[in-house]
Structures are given as C-alpha cells and as structure tokens.
N, C-alpha and C. Protein backbone atom coordinates (compact mmCIF):
# COMPACT_ATOMS: atom_id res chain seq x y z
N UNK A 1 145.23 45.01 -170.48
CA UNK A 1 144.88 46.17 -169.38
C UNK A 1 143.81 47.07 -170.38
N UNK A 2 143.26 47.08 -170.00
CA UNK A 2 142.34 47.68 -171.11
C UNK A 2 142.45 49.51 -170.88
N UNK A 3 142.70 50.00 -171.90
CA UNK A 3 143.38 51.24 -172.70
C UNK A 3 142.09 51.40 -173.97
N UNK A 4 141.41 52.96 -173.27
CA UNK A 4 140.42 53.69 -174.29
C UNK A 4 141.63 54.70 -174.58
N UNK A 5 141.74 55.32 -176.00
CA UNK A 5 142.87 56.20 -176.55
C UNK A 5 141.63 57.81 -177.42
N UNK A 6 141.77 58.10 -176.79
CA UNK A 6 140.91 59.50 -177.52
C UNK A 6 141.26 60.34 -178.91
N UNK A 7 141.14 60.50 -180.18
CA UNK A 7 141.74 61.20 -180.82
C UNK A 7 140.91 61.96 -181.48
N UNK A 8 141.36 63.03 -181.91
CA UNK A 8 140.31 64.11 -183.01
C UNK A 8 140.12 65.23 -182.74
N UNK A 9 140.84 65.44 -181.44
CA UNK A 9 140.23 67.31 -180.66
C UNK A 9 141.42 68.25 -181.64
N UNK A 10 140.98 69.33 -181.61
CA UNK A 10 141.70 70.48 -181.78
C UNK A 10 140.96 71.51 -181.71
N UNK A 11 142.23 72.90 -182.96
CA UNK A 11 141.46 74.29 -182.81
C UNK A 11 140.33 74.62 -183.98
N UNK A 12 138.72 74.48 -183.26
CA UNK A 12 137.98 75.00 -184.54
C UNK A 12 137.40 76.54 -184.36
N UNK A 13 136.70 77.32 -185.53
CA UNK A 13 135.99 78.32 -185.60
C UNK A 13 134.40 78.04 -184.80
N UNK A 14 133.43 78.88 -184.23
CA UNK A 14 132.44 78.52 -184.08
C UNK A 14 131.90 78.44 -185.13
N UNK A 15 130.97 77.13 -185.69
CA UNK A 15 130.09 76.29 -186.39
C UNK A 15 130.69 75.68 -186.90
N UNK A 16 131.72 75.77 -186.12
CA UNK A 16 132.71 74.47 -187.44
C UNK A 16 132.51 73.16 -186.71
N UNK A 17 132.94 71.72 -186.99
CA UNK A 17 132.75 70.89 -186.88
C UNK A 17 134.09 70.01 -186.46
N UNK A 18 133.71 68.51 -185.31
CA UNK A 18 135.39 68.25 -185.27
C UNK A 18 134.47 66.60 -185.02
N UNK A 19 135.17 65.13 -185.24
CA UNK A 19 134.93 64.33 -185.14
C UNK A 19 135.69 63.83 -184.42
N UNK A 20 135.42 63.42 -182.64
CA UNK A 20 136.30 62.60 -181.60
C UNK A 20 135.92 60.56 -182.06
N UNK A 21 137.26 60.31 -181.94
CA UNK A 21 137.19 58.66 -181.97
C UNK A 21 137.51 58.49 -180.70
N UNK A 22 138.21 57.51 -179.83
CA UNK A 22 137.86 55.94 -178.90
C UNK A 22 137.92 54.94 -179.36
N UNK A 23 139.19 54.80 -179.34
CA UNK A 23 139.85 53.28 -179.35
C UNK A 23 139.74 52.12 -178.61
N UNK A 24 139.53 51.76 -178.24
CA UNK A 24 139.38 50.65 -176.94
C UNK A 24 140.14 49.38 -177.17
N UNK A 25 140.78 49.12 -176.44
CA UNK A 25 141.36 47.88 -176.08
C UNK A 25 141.23 46.97 -174.93
N UNK A 26 141.70 45.57 -174.89
CA UNK A 26 141.89 44.91 -173.74
C UNK A 26 140.13 44.49 -172.34
N UNK A 27 139.39 44.46 -173.65
CA UNK A 27 137.87 44.71 -173.43
C UNK A 27 136.92 44.06 -173.72
N UNK A 28 136.06 43.33 -173.82
CA UNK A 28 134.63 42.98 -174.69
C UNK A 28 134.25 44.28 -174.54
N UNK A 29 134.55 44.90 -176.21
CA UNK A 29 134.00 46.54 -176.62
C UNK A 29 132.39 46.44 -176.58
N UNK A 30 131.88 45.24 -177.10
CA UNK A 30 130.16 45.03 -177.11
C UNK A 30 129.62 44.90 -176.40
N UNK A 31 130.46 44.43 -175.15
CA UNK A 31 130.04 44.33 -173.75
C UNK A 31 129.72 45.72 -173.14
N UNK A 32 129.77 46.72 -173.78
CA UNK A 32 130.17 47.58 -172.56
C UNK A 32 129.36 48.36 -173.51
N UNK A 33 128.54 49.80 -172.76
CA UNK A 33 127.72 50.72 -172.81
C UNK A 33 129.03 52.00 -173.08
N UNK A 34 129.22 52.48 -174.18
CA UNK A 34 129.86 53.62 -174.44
C UNK A 34 129.38 55.37 -173.56
N UNK A 35 130.17 56.14 -173.66
CA UNK A 35 129.97 57.25 -173.17
C UNK A 35 131.41 58.54 -173.71
N UNK A 36 130.48 59.93 -173.98
CA UNK A 36 131.37 60.96 -173.87
C UNK A 36 131.35 61.98 -172.89
N UNK A 37 132.45 62.52 -172.33
CA UNK A 37 132.20 63.38 -170.95
C UNK A 37 132.87 64.43 -171.80
N UNK A 38 132.47 65.44 -170.91
CA UNK A 38 133.72 66.70 -170.86
C UNK A 38 133.77 67.53 -169.73
N UNK A 39 135.44 68.38 -169.56
CA UNK A 39 135.41 68.72 -168.40
C UNK A 39 135.90 70.20 -168.94
N UNK A 40 135.54 71.62 -168.94
CA UNK A 40 136.19 72.81 -168.66
C UNK A 40 137.11 72.86 -167.99
N UNK A 41 137.77 74.51 -167.98
CA UNK A 41 138.49 73.97 -166.86
C UNK A 41 137.77 75.13 -165.99
N UNK A 42 138.26 75.10 -164.53
CA UNK A 42 137.36 75.24 -162.95
C UNK A 42 136.22 74.48 -163.23
N UNK A 43 135.90 73.82 -163.69
CA UNK A 43 134.22 72.93 -163.98
C UNK A 43 134.56 71.25 -163.89
N UNK A 44 133.66 70.51 -163.06
CA UNK A 44 133.35 69.50 -162.87
C UNK A 44 133.24 68.46 -164.57
N UNK A 45 133.43 67.38 -164.40
CA UNK A 45 133.53 66.39 -165.89
C UNK A 45 131.71 66.60 -165.55
N UNK A 46 131.23 66.65 -167.04
CA UNK A 46 130.61 66.67 -167.34
C UNK A 46 129.78 66.08 -168.63
N UNK A 47 128.18 64.80 -168.04
CA UNK A 47 128.11 63.76 -169.03
C UNK A 47 127.49 64.82 -170.40
N UNK A 48 127.99 63.74 -171.95
CA UNK A 48 127.68 64.61 -173.17
C UNK A 48 126.80 63.95 -173.39
N UNK A 49 127.39 62.32 -174.21
CA UNK A 49 126.27 60.97 -174.76
C UNK A 49 126.57 59.96 -174.30
N UNK A 50 125.86 59.34 -174.86
CA UNK A 50 126.07 58.11 -174.63
C UNK A 50 125.08 57.00 -175.87
N UNK A 51 125.66 55.85 -175.64
CA UNK A 51 125.18 54.87 -176.37
C UNK A 51 125.39 52.94 -175.85
N UNK A 52 124.32 52.79 -176.23
CA UNK A 52 124.27 51.11 -175.76
C UNK A 52 125.25 50.34 -176.30
N UNK A 53 125.53 48.61 -176.00
CA UNK A 53 126.33 48.09 -176.65
C UNK A 53 126.32 48.48 -178.15
N UNK A 54 124.88 48.04 -178.36
CA UNK A 54 125.42 47.69 -180.01
C UNK A 54 124.68 48.98 -180.90
N UNK A 55 124.48 50.10 -180.31
CA UNK A 55 124.33 51.49 -181.17
C UNK A 55 122.88 51.21 -180.98
N UNK A 56 121.66 50.91 -181.02
CA UNK A 56 120.23 50.86 -181.35
C UNK A 56 119.79 51.87 -179.82
N UNK A 57 120.39 52.20 -178.73
CA UNK A 57 119.76 53.78 -178.02
C UNK A 57 121.02 54.43 -177.49
N UNK A 58 120.79 55.89 -177.72
CA UNK A 58 121.27 56.94 -177.61
C UNK A 58 121.01 57.98 -176.61
N UNK A 59 121.69 58.58 -175.56
CA UNK A 59 121.16 59.79 -175.22
C UNK A 59 122.30 60.49 -174.90
N UNK A 60 121.44 62.04 -174.88
CA UNK A 60 122.41 63.03 -174.50
C UNK A 60 121.93 64.25 -174.07
N UNK A 61 123.02 64.83 -173.13
CA UNK A 61 122.80 66.18 -172.46
C UNK A 61 122.10 66.71 -173.17
N UNK A 62 120.99 67.87 -173.07
CA UNK A 62 120.45 69.24 -174.01
C UNK A 62 121.07 69.84 -174.89
N UNK A 63 121.91 70.39 -174.20
CA UNK A 63 123.09 71.72 -174.67
C UNK A 63 123.71 70.82 -175.97
N UNK A 64 123.55 69.88 -176.32
CA UNK A 64 124.46 69.09 -177.48
C UNK A 64 123.37 68.29 -178.17
N UNK A 65 122.17 68.04 -178.61
CA UNK A 65 121.27 67.68 -178.95
C UNK A 65 120.98 68.58 -180.18
N UNK A 66 120.83 67.52 -180.94
CA UNK A 66 120.47 67.75 -182.51
C UNK A 66 122.29 68.77 -183.04
N UNK A 67 122.96 68.51 -182.39
CA UNK A 67 124.50 69.11 -182.87
C UNK A 67 125.97 67.68 -182.78
N UNK A 68 125.19 66.97 -181.92
CA UNK A 68 126.25 66.21 -181.46
C UNK A 68 125.58 64.80 -182.13
N UNK A 69 126.57 63.93 -182.65
CA UNK A 69 126.11 62.55 -182.59
C UNK A 69 127.11 61.37 -181.94
N UNK A 70 126.82 60.33 -181.13
CA UNK A 70 127.78 59.05 -181.03
C UNK A 70 127.46 58.04 -181.76
N UNK A 71 127.92 57.54 -181.82
CA UNK A 71 128.04 56.25 -182.44
C UNK A 71 129.31 55.56 -181.93
N UNK A 72 129.15 54.61 -182.56
CA UNK A 72 130.24 52.96 -182.73
C UNK A 72 130.24 52.47 -183.14
N UNK A 73 131.50 51.47 -183.65
CA UNK A 73 131.55 50.48 -184.55
C UNK A 73 132.17 49.25 -183.88
N UNK A 74 131.79 48.27 -183.49
CA UNK A 74 132.03 47.09 -182.72
C UNK A 74 133.22 46.47 -183.55
N UNK A 75 133.02 46.19 -184.69
CA UNK A 75 134.18 45.38 -185.36
C UNK A 75 135.83 46.60 -185.19
N UNK A 76 135.43 47.43 -185.03
CA UNK A 76 136.71 48.49 -184.96
C UNK A 76 136.94 48.66 -183.67
N UNK A 77 136.37 48.71 -182.66
CA UNK A 77 136.65 48.70 -181.43
C UNK A 77 136.17 50.24 -181.40
N UNK A 78 135.30 50.75 -181.36
CA UNK A 78 135.33 53.11 -181.54
C UNK A 78 134.15 53.28 -181.07
N UNK A 79 134.36 53.94 -180.58
CA UNK A 79 132.52 55.04 -180.78
C UNK A 79 134.00 56.12 -181.12
N UNK A 80 132.20 56.97 -181.43
CA UNK A 80 132.93 58.29 -182.48
C UNK A 80 132.03 59.76 -181.46
N UNK A 81 132.79 60.76 -181.49
CA UNK A 81 131.69 61.65 -181.60
C UNK A 81 131.82 62.50 -182.21
N UNK A 82 130.15 62.71 -183.80
CA UNK A 82 130.63 63.77 -184.59
C UNK A 82 129.88 64.85 -183.38
N UNK A 83 131.00 66.09 -184.03
CA UNK A 83 129.99 67.73 -183.70
C UNK A 83 130.04 68.18 -184.54
N UNK A 84 129.21 68.97 -184.57
CA UNK A 84 128.62 69.88 -185.94
C UNK A 84 127.91 71.01 -185.10
N UNK A 85 128.40 72.02 -186.01
CA UNK A 85 127.62 73.50 -185.03
C UNK A 85 128.53 74.33 -184.21
N UNK A 86 129.65 73.98 -183.43
CA UNK A 86 130.19 74.06 -182.30
C UNK A 86 130.46 75.51 -181.81
N UNK A 87 130.29 75.53 -180.72
CA UNK A 87 130.23 77.07 -179.89
C UNK A 87 131.30 77.34 -178.93
N UNK A 88 131.66 78.07 -178.22
CA UNK A 88 132.56 78.39 -177.65
C UNK A 88 132.62 77.54 -176.34
N UNK A 89 131.31 77.48 -175.82
CA UNK A 89 131.14 77.16 -174.62
C UNK A 89 131.06 75.66 -174.58
N UNK A 90 131.65 74.69 -176.10
CA UNK A 90 131.53 73.18 -175.63
C UNK A 90 133.17 73.53 -175.51
N UNK A 91 133.78 74.63 -175.61
CA UNK A 91 135.19 74.28 -175.53
C UNK A 91 135.92 73.64 -174.27
N UNK A 92 136.15 72.12 -174.14
CA UNK A 92 136.56 71.67 -172.33
C UNK A 92 137.69 70.37 -173.01
N UNK A 93 138.12 69.77 -172.53
CA UNK A 93 138.78 67.89 -172.59
C UNK A 93 137.82 67.14 -172.61
N UNK A 94 137.78 66.48 -174.00
CA UNK A 94 136.58 65.50 -173.57
C UNK A 94 137.18 63.99 -173.34
N UNK A 95 136.70 63.57 -172.79
CA UNK A 95 136.30 62.04 -172.46
C UNK A 95 135.95 61.14 -172.86
N UNK A 96 136.27 59.53 -173.26
CA UNK A 96 135.36 58.19 -173.65
C UNK A 96 135.46 57.55 -172.06
N UNK A 97 134.43 56.95 -171.87
CA UNK A 97 134.89 56.26 -170.69
C UNK A 97 133.41 55.07 -171.21
N UNK A 98 133.78 53.95 -170.61
CA UNK A 98 133.20 52.51 -171.20
C UNK A 98 132.80 52.18 -169.55
N UNK A 99 131.27 51.37 -169.63
CA UNK A 99 130.68 51.11 -168.26
C UNK A 99 130.26 49.91 -168.76
N UNK A 100 129.62 48.73 -167.58
CA UNK A 100 129.20 47.60 -167.85
C UNK A 100 127.98 47.57 -166.65
N UNK A 101 126.78 47.22 -167.14
CA UNK A 101 126.61 45.86 -168.45
C UNK A 101 126.47 47.14 -169.87
N UNK A 102 126.45 46.72 -170.84
CA UNK A 102 126.08 47.35 -172.11
C UNK A 102 124.93 47.91 -172.59
N UNK A 103 124.02 47.67 -171.65
CA UNK A 103 122.25 47.76 -171.94
C UNK A 103 122.06 49.29 -171.35
N UNK A 104 122.75 49.56 -170.05
CA UNK A 104 122.87 50.57 -169.80
C UNK A 104 123.03 52.06 -169.42
N UNK A 105 122.05 53.20 -169.62
CA UNK A 105 123.03 54.41 -170.83
C UNK A 105 122.67 55.60 -169.10
N UNK A 106 124.15 55.43 -169.22
CA UNK A 106 124.03 56.18 -167.73
C UNK A 106 125.17 57.71 -167.50
N UNK A 107 124.28 58.87 -166.87
CA UNK A 107 125.34 59.88 -167.54
C UNK A 107 125.49 60.38 -166.38
N UNK A 108 125.88 59.41 -165.16
CA UNK A 108 127.00 59.79 -163.70
C UNK A 108 128.33 58.75 -163.92
N UNK A 109 129.20 59.89 -163.99
CA UNK A 109 130.51 59.33 -163.75
C UNK A 109 130.95 58.19 -163.53
N UNK A 110 130.57 57.99 -162.11
CA UNK A 110 131.15 57.02 -161.23
C UNK A 110 130.53 55.72 -161.71
N UNK A 111 129.34 55.81 -162.08
CA UNK A 111 129.29 53.90 -162.97
C UNK A 111 130.06 54.10 -164.17
N UNK A 112 131.02 55.39 -164.14
CA UNK A 112 131.76 53.96 -165.53
C UNK A 112 133.27 53.67 -165.03
N UNK A 113 133.56 52.49 -165.40
CA UNK A 113 134.89 51.64 -164.97
C UNK A 113 135.68 52.23 -165.70
N UNK A 114 136.44 52.86 -167.06
CA UNK A 114 137.65 53.12 -167.46
C UNK A 114 137.44 54.14 -168.58
N UNK A 115 138.49 54.61 -168.45
CA UNK A 115 138.65 56.17 -168.87
C UNK A 115 139.57 56.41 -169.52
N UNK A 116 139.36 57.17 -170.87
CA UNK A 116 140.47 57.27 -171.56
C UNK A 116 141.48 58.64 -171.01
N UNK A 117 142.46 59.03 -171.56
CA UNK A 117 143.45 60.58 -170.75
C UNK A 117 142.97 61.78 -171.15
N UNK A 118 141.65 61.50 -172.25
CA UNK A 118 141.29 63.09 -172.81
C UNK A 118 142.01 63.46 -174.08
N UNK A 119 140.98 64.22 -174.62
CA UNK A 119 141.93 64.84 -176.15
C UNK A 119 140.73 66.32 -175.61
N UNK A 120 141.62 67.45 -176.04
CA UNK A 120 141.16 68.53 -175.63
C UNK A 120 140.20 69.20 -177.38
N UNK A 121 139.26 69.89 -176.86
CA UNK A 121 138.62 70.43 -178.13
C UNK A 121 138.54 72.39 -177.49
N UNK A 122 138.74 72.93 -178.54
CA UNK A 122 138.92 74.38 -178.19
C UNK A 122 137.92 74.95 -179.68
N UNK A 123 136.74 75.72 -179.00
CA UNK A 123 136.32 76.37 -179.96
C UNK A 123 136.35 78.05 -179.99
N UNK A 124 137.04 78.66 -180.95
CA UNK A 124 137.67 79.96 -181.11
C UNK A 124 135.81 80.57 -181.92
N UNK A 125 135.49 82.03 -181.12
CA UNK A 125 134.40 82.56 -181.26
C UNK A 125 135.09 83.52 -182.44
C-alpha cells in the first residue's frame, strides 16, 4: 500500500523559513515525479513545485520562485520543500503527491496518482 506522509509544518512569522518533508513507501520512489500542492481555506488545491525522478529538473509556480526549493533523496524515499521568506499568503495545507512516469513535471493535480494527508503551514504577519 502506497503511503505519503508529510511533516514539518507549523506556525512561523512572516520572513521565516520552514522545511517540509514527505516520506514515501509502497512504491518505487525513483520511478515517480514528486510535487507539492497547497490548499488555502476556501480555495482550490494549487500547484507549488515539482521535481523529476532524479532531481535534475524542477518546476515552480511563479509566486514561489526564488523563495522555495524542492529536492529529493531517492535513497531515503523522501521529497523536501524548503520554504524561505514566507509570506502570510503562503498559509495553507501543503500536500505532497506522486506521479508516474518520473520524467514528466506536471502542474495539474488530476495527473497525480498518490497523495499525502497534508501538513498545515501558517504564516503570521
């Protein structure tokens, strides 16, 4: 059974940093592209960043470029999202997701095969 488990969320002041982790099990991790999405209250789930199977390619939504960094460690079956210079508008539940095949970077949520349960990130002003 595939499981994606996010961790690292919390409450931080504007300008601060957080590092999210997503540990995967039950799948051949290195065969999947991985992504982070977020969902703010009353809004649809939105794409944040994606990374291909070996970490060689990444893709970000414009609003987080130069502030967020997605990375992965295939030896640990884990994908990360380093979030710097956080803003109140970054407040949301953050989800990791897995998509096959691992060479495609996709911003569309319906293209992803597996999802985690989410972790709350709250940025205070």
